[in-house]
Amino acid sequence: MRKASITRKTAETDIGVAVDLDGSGAYDMATGVGFFDHMLDQLARHSLIDMRVRCTGDTHIDDHHSVEDVGIALGQALAQALGDKRGIRRYGACLLPMDDALVRAALDLSGRPYLVWNVDFPTAKIGSFDTELVREFFQALSTHGGITLHVDCLHGINSHHIAEAAFKAVARALREAVETDPRKADAIPSTKGAL
């Protein structure tokens, strides 16, 4: 049962997140931030992790708190669903093309959060969405999911394509990392014996 539900309530946001690592990529997102919902749909669909996200936030100020806090809650849900990480592949990587954009993502479900972010956006906004929030989301996800995450944009001229390629690349890497390794299904994937 590699499932988890997290609730997070602050003065700025009220969030509920549910994940199933052994799902089919079903998604049901309602964050109040349209472009972000679209990106979260991609994260679920391409990771094959079922995700449900509900967020009520202070979007009358801006989208920052909603995006960051969803990243926190989703990271916590992934960490909880992984448990002791017994049997997982642990590592994942993807080189993902999307039209003009080419993004590489590599990650380790190590329990040691670290984000390396080499992604520049040619515009400050995608519609009304601040492009700097893409990094904020992945920083929160990495920190609270205990994920070492490297994301590099190797090419791109369209901000929407770059952002979407980043979400899809991380999703594909995550899919690989959370999968059960049939050759080591009973082992924790570390010489330390713990992650």
Protein backbone atom coordinates (compact mmCIF):
# COMPACT_ATOMS: atom_id res chain seq x y z
CA MET A 1 0.00 0.00 0.00
CA ARG A 2 2.27 2.79 -1.24
CA LYS A 3 -0.26 5.54 -0.69
CA ALA A 4 -0.32 8.68 1.41
CA SER A 5 -2.52 11.65 2.21
CA ILE A 6 -1.26 14.94 3.60
CA THR A 7 -3.13 18.00 4.82
CA ARG A 8 -1.40 21.32 5.39
CA LYS A 9 -3.14 24.40 6.74
CA THR A 10 -1.49 27.76 7.31
CA ALA A 11 -2.64 31.37 7.38
CA GLU A 12 -1.83 31.45 3.64
CA THR A 13 -3.01 28.10 2.27
CA ASP A 14 -5.25 25.12 2.99
CA ILE A 15 -4.03 22.05 1.12
CA GLY A 16 -4.96 18.39 0.76
CA VAL A 17 -2.79 15.99 -1.26
CA ALA A 18 -3.25 12.27 -1.93
CA VAL A 19 -0.85 10.04 -3.88
CA ASP A 20 -0.72 6.41 -4.96
CA LEU A 21 2.72 5.38 -6.21
CA ASP A 22 1.29 2.29 -7.91
CA GLY A 23 -1.40 4.11 -9.84
CA SER A 24 -1.91 4.75 -13.52
CA GLY A 25 -1.22 8.48 -13.60
CA ALA A 26 -4.77 9.56 -12.78
CA TYR A 27 -4.97 13.21 -11.76
CA ASP A 28 -7.44 15.57 -10.16
CA MET A 29 -5.98 19.03 -9.54
CA ALA A 30 -7.64 22.18 -8.21
CA THR A 31 -5.12 24.72 -6.90
CA GLY A 32 -6.74 27.91 -8.11
CA VAL A 33 -3.75 28.44 -10.43
CA GLY A 34 -4.65 27.23 -13.92
CA PHE A 35 -1.19 26.85 -15.42
CA PHE A 36 0.06 25.11 -12.27
CA ASP A 37 -2.83 22.63 -12.44
CA HIS A 38 -1.77 21.88 -16.03
CA MET A 39 1.82 21.23 -14.88
CA LEU A 40 0.68 19.01 -11.99
CA ASP A 41 -1.46 17.04 -14.47
CA GLN A 42 1.75 16.36 -16.43
CA LEU A 43 3.61 15.35 -13.26
CA ALA A 44 0.96 12.75 -12.41
CA ARG A 45 0.36 11.51 -15.95
CA HIS A 46 4.01 10.93 -16.80
CA SER A 47 5.09 9.55 -13.41
CA LEU A 48 2.13 7.11 -13.35
CA ILE A 49 1.56 8.28 -9.77
CA ASP A 50 -2.10 8.95 -9.05
CA MET A 51 -2.40 12.44 -7.56
CA ARG A 52 -5.22 14.49 -6.13
CA VAL A 53 -4.46 18.05 -5.05
CA ARG A 54 -6.79 20.59 -3.49
CA CYS A 55 -5.52 24.03 -2.55
CA THR A 56 -7.23 27.17 -1.37
CA GLY A 57 -4.66 29.94 -1.17
CA ASP A 58 -4.16 33.67 -1.00
CA THR A 59 -3.97 34.03 -4.77
CA HIS A 60 -5.37 37.57 -4.42
CA ILE A 61 -1.80 38.40 -3.33
CA ASP A 62 -0.05 36.16 -5.87
CA ASP A 63 0.43 32.46 -6.63
CA HIS A 64 3.65 32.01 -4.67
CA HIS A 65 2.29 30.54 -1.43
CA SER A 66 -0.05 28.13 -3.22
CA VAL A 67 2.66 26.79 -5.55
CA GLU A 68 5.33 26.47 -2.86
CA ASP A 69 3.01 24.93 -0.26
CA VAL A 70 1.66 22.37 -2.74
CA GLY A 71 5.30 21.42 -3.38
CA ILE A 72 5.83 20.99 0.36
CA ALA A 73 2.71 18.83 0.81
CA LEU A 74 3.39 16.76 -2.31
CA GLY A 75 6.97 16.14 -1.20
CA GLN A 76 5.75 15.03 2.22
CA ALA A 77 3.17 12.71 0.64
CA LEU A 78 5.77 11.10 -1.63
CA ALA A 79 8.15 10.56 1.30
CA GLN A 80 5.37 9.03 3.40
CA ALA A 81 4.21 6.75 0.58
CA LEU A 82 7.78 5.52 -0.01
CA GLY A 83 8.16 4.46 3.62
CA ASP A 84 11.58 2.86 4.19
CA LYS A 85 12.07 2.72 0.39
CA ARG A 86 12.54 -1.03 0.41
CA GLY A 87 12.58 -2.48 -3.10
CA ILE A 88 12.62 0.76 -5.09
CA ARG A 89 15.01 1.51 -7.93
CA ARG A 90 15.92 4.78 -6.13
CA TYR A 91 17.47 6.58 -9.12
CA GLY A 92 15.79 7.96 -12.20
CA ALA A 93 16.70 10.13 -15.16
CA CYS A 94 15.06 11.48 -18.30
CA LEU A 95 16.10 13.54 -21.29
CA LEU A 96 12.85 15.03 -22.53
CA PRO A 97 12.28 16.94 -25.78
CA MET A 98 9.24 19.13 -26.24
CA ASP A 99 9.33 21.07 -29.49
CA ASP A 100 12.09 23.68 -29.02
CA ALA A 101 12.77 22.66 -25.41
CA LEU A 102 15.12 19.92 -24.25
CA VAL A 103 15.26 19.30 -20.51
CA ARG A 104 17.28 16.75 -18.54
CA ALA A 105 16.20 15.62 -15.08
CA ALA A 106 18.04 13.21 -12.81
CA LEU A 107 17.08 12.34 -9.26
CA ASP A 108 17.93 10.20 -6.27
CA LEU A 109 15.36 9.33 -3.60
CA SER A 110 18.21 9.48 -1.12
CA GLY A 111 16.56 11.24 1.80
CA ARG A 112 19.16 13.98 1.27
CA PRO A 113 17.40 16.95 -0.34
CA TYR A 114 19.39 19.00 -2.82
CA LEU A 115 18.27 20.94 -5.86
CA VAL A 116 20.50 21.87 -8.79
CA TRP A 117 18.48 24.11 -11.11
CA ASN A 118 19.92 25.20 -14.43
CA VAL A 119 16.76 26.43 -16.12
CA ASP A 120 16.35 29.93 -17.51
CA PHE A 121 13.06 31.22 -18.86
CA PRO A 122 13.05 33.79 -21.68
CA THR A 123 9.95 35.44 -20.19
CA ALA A 124 8.96 36.37 -16.64
CA LYS A 125 5.43 35.06 -17.11
CA ILE A 126 3.50 32.30 -18.84
CA GLY A 127 0.10 33.95 -19.13
CA SER A 128 -0.34 35.27 -15.59
CA PHE A 129 1.94 32.63 -14.01
CA ASP A 130 5.36 33.76 -12.72
CA THR A 131 8.01 31.51 -14.27
CA GLU A 132 10.20 31.81 -11.15
CA LEU A 133 7.57 29.71 -9.33
CA VAL A 134 8.59 26.62 -11.30
CA ARG A 135 11.87 26.55 -9.38
CA GLU A 136 10.05 27.31 -6.10
CA PHE A 137 7.84 24.27 -6.60
CA PHE A 138 10.73 21.92 -7.30
CA GLN A 139 12.75 23.33 -4.38
CA ALA A 140 9.86 22.58 -2.03
CA LEU A 141 9.27 19.13 -3.56
CA SER A 142 12.96 18.25 -3.28
CA THR A 143 13.34 19.52 0.29
CA HIS A 144 10.23 17.88 1.72
CA GLY A 145 10.45 14.72 -0.39
CA GLY A 146 14.10 14.12 0.55
CA ILE A 147 15.06 14.14 -3.13
CA THR A 148 18.37 15.01 -4.73
CA LEU A 149 17.17 16.63 -7.95
CA HIS A 150 19.09 18.02 -10.90
CA VAL A 151 17.19 19.82 -13.67
CA ASP A 152 18.98 21.28 -16.69
CA CYS A 153 17.45 23.04 -19.69
CA LEU A 154 19.73 22.21 -22.59
CA HIS A 155 17.71 24.18 -25.12
CA GLY A 156 14.53 26.19 -25.25
CA ILE A 157 13.01 29.38 -26.59
CA ASN A 158 9.39 29.09 -25.41
CA SER A 159 8.75 29.45 -21.67
CA HIS A 160 5.64 27.26 -21.70
CA HIS A 161 7.53 24.46 -23.45
CA ILE A 162 10.50 24.75 -21.07
CA ALA A 163 8.28 24.56 -17.98
CA GLU A 164 6.25 21.66 -19.32
CA ALA A 165 9.36 19.77 -20.39
CA ALA A 166 10.77 20.23 -16.88
CA PHE A 167 7.65 18.82 -15.22
CA LYS A 168 7.51 15.91 -17.66
CA ALA A 169 11.22 15.13 -17.31
CA VAL A 170 11.01 15.10 -13.51
CA ALA A 171 7.86 12.96 -13.74
CA ARG A 172 9.56 10.37 -15.96
CA ALA A 173 12.60 10.27 -13.67
CA LEU A 174 10.32 9.90 -10.65
CA ARG A 175 8.44 7.05 -12.32
CA GLU A 176 11.69 5.16 -12.80
CA ALA A 177 12.93 5.84 -9.26
CA VAL A 178 9.78 4.78 -7.37
CA GLU A 179 9.29 1.57 -9.35
CA THR A 180 9.96 -1.71 -7.61
CA ASP A 181 13.16 -3.40 -8.71
CA PRO A 182 12.18 -7.05 -9.31
CA ARG A 183 15.78 -8.17 -8.69
CA LYS A 184 15.93 -6.48 -5.25
CA ALA A 185 12.32 -6.22 -4.15
CA ASP A 186 13.14 -6.94 -0.49
CA ALA A 187 16.23 -4.76 -0.17
CA ILE A 188 16.76 -1.14 0.74
CA PRO A 189 18.84 0.25 -2.18
CA SER A 190 21.81 1.41 -0.15
CA THR A 191 24.97 -0.20 1.23
CA LYS A 192 24.13 1.62 4.49
CA GLY A 193 20.97 -0.47 4.86
CA ALA A 194 18.84 2.65 5.30
CA LEU A 195 17.77 5.68 3.29
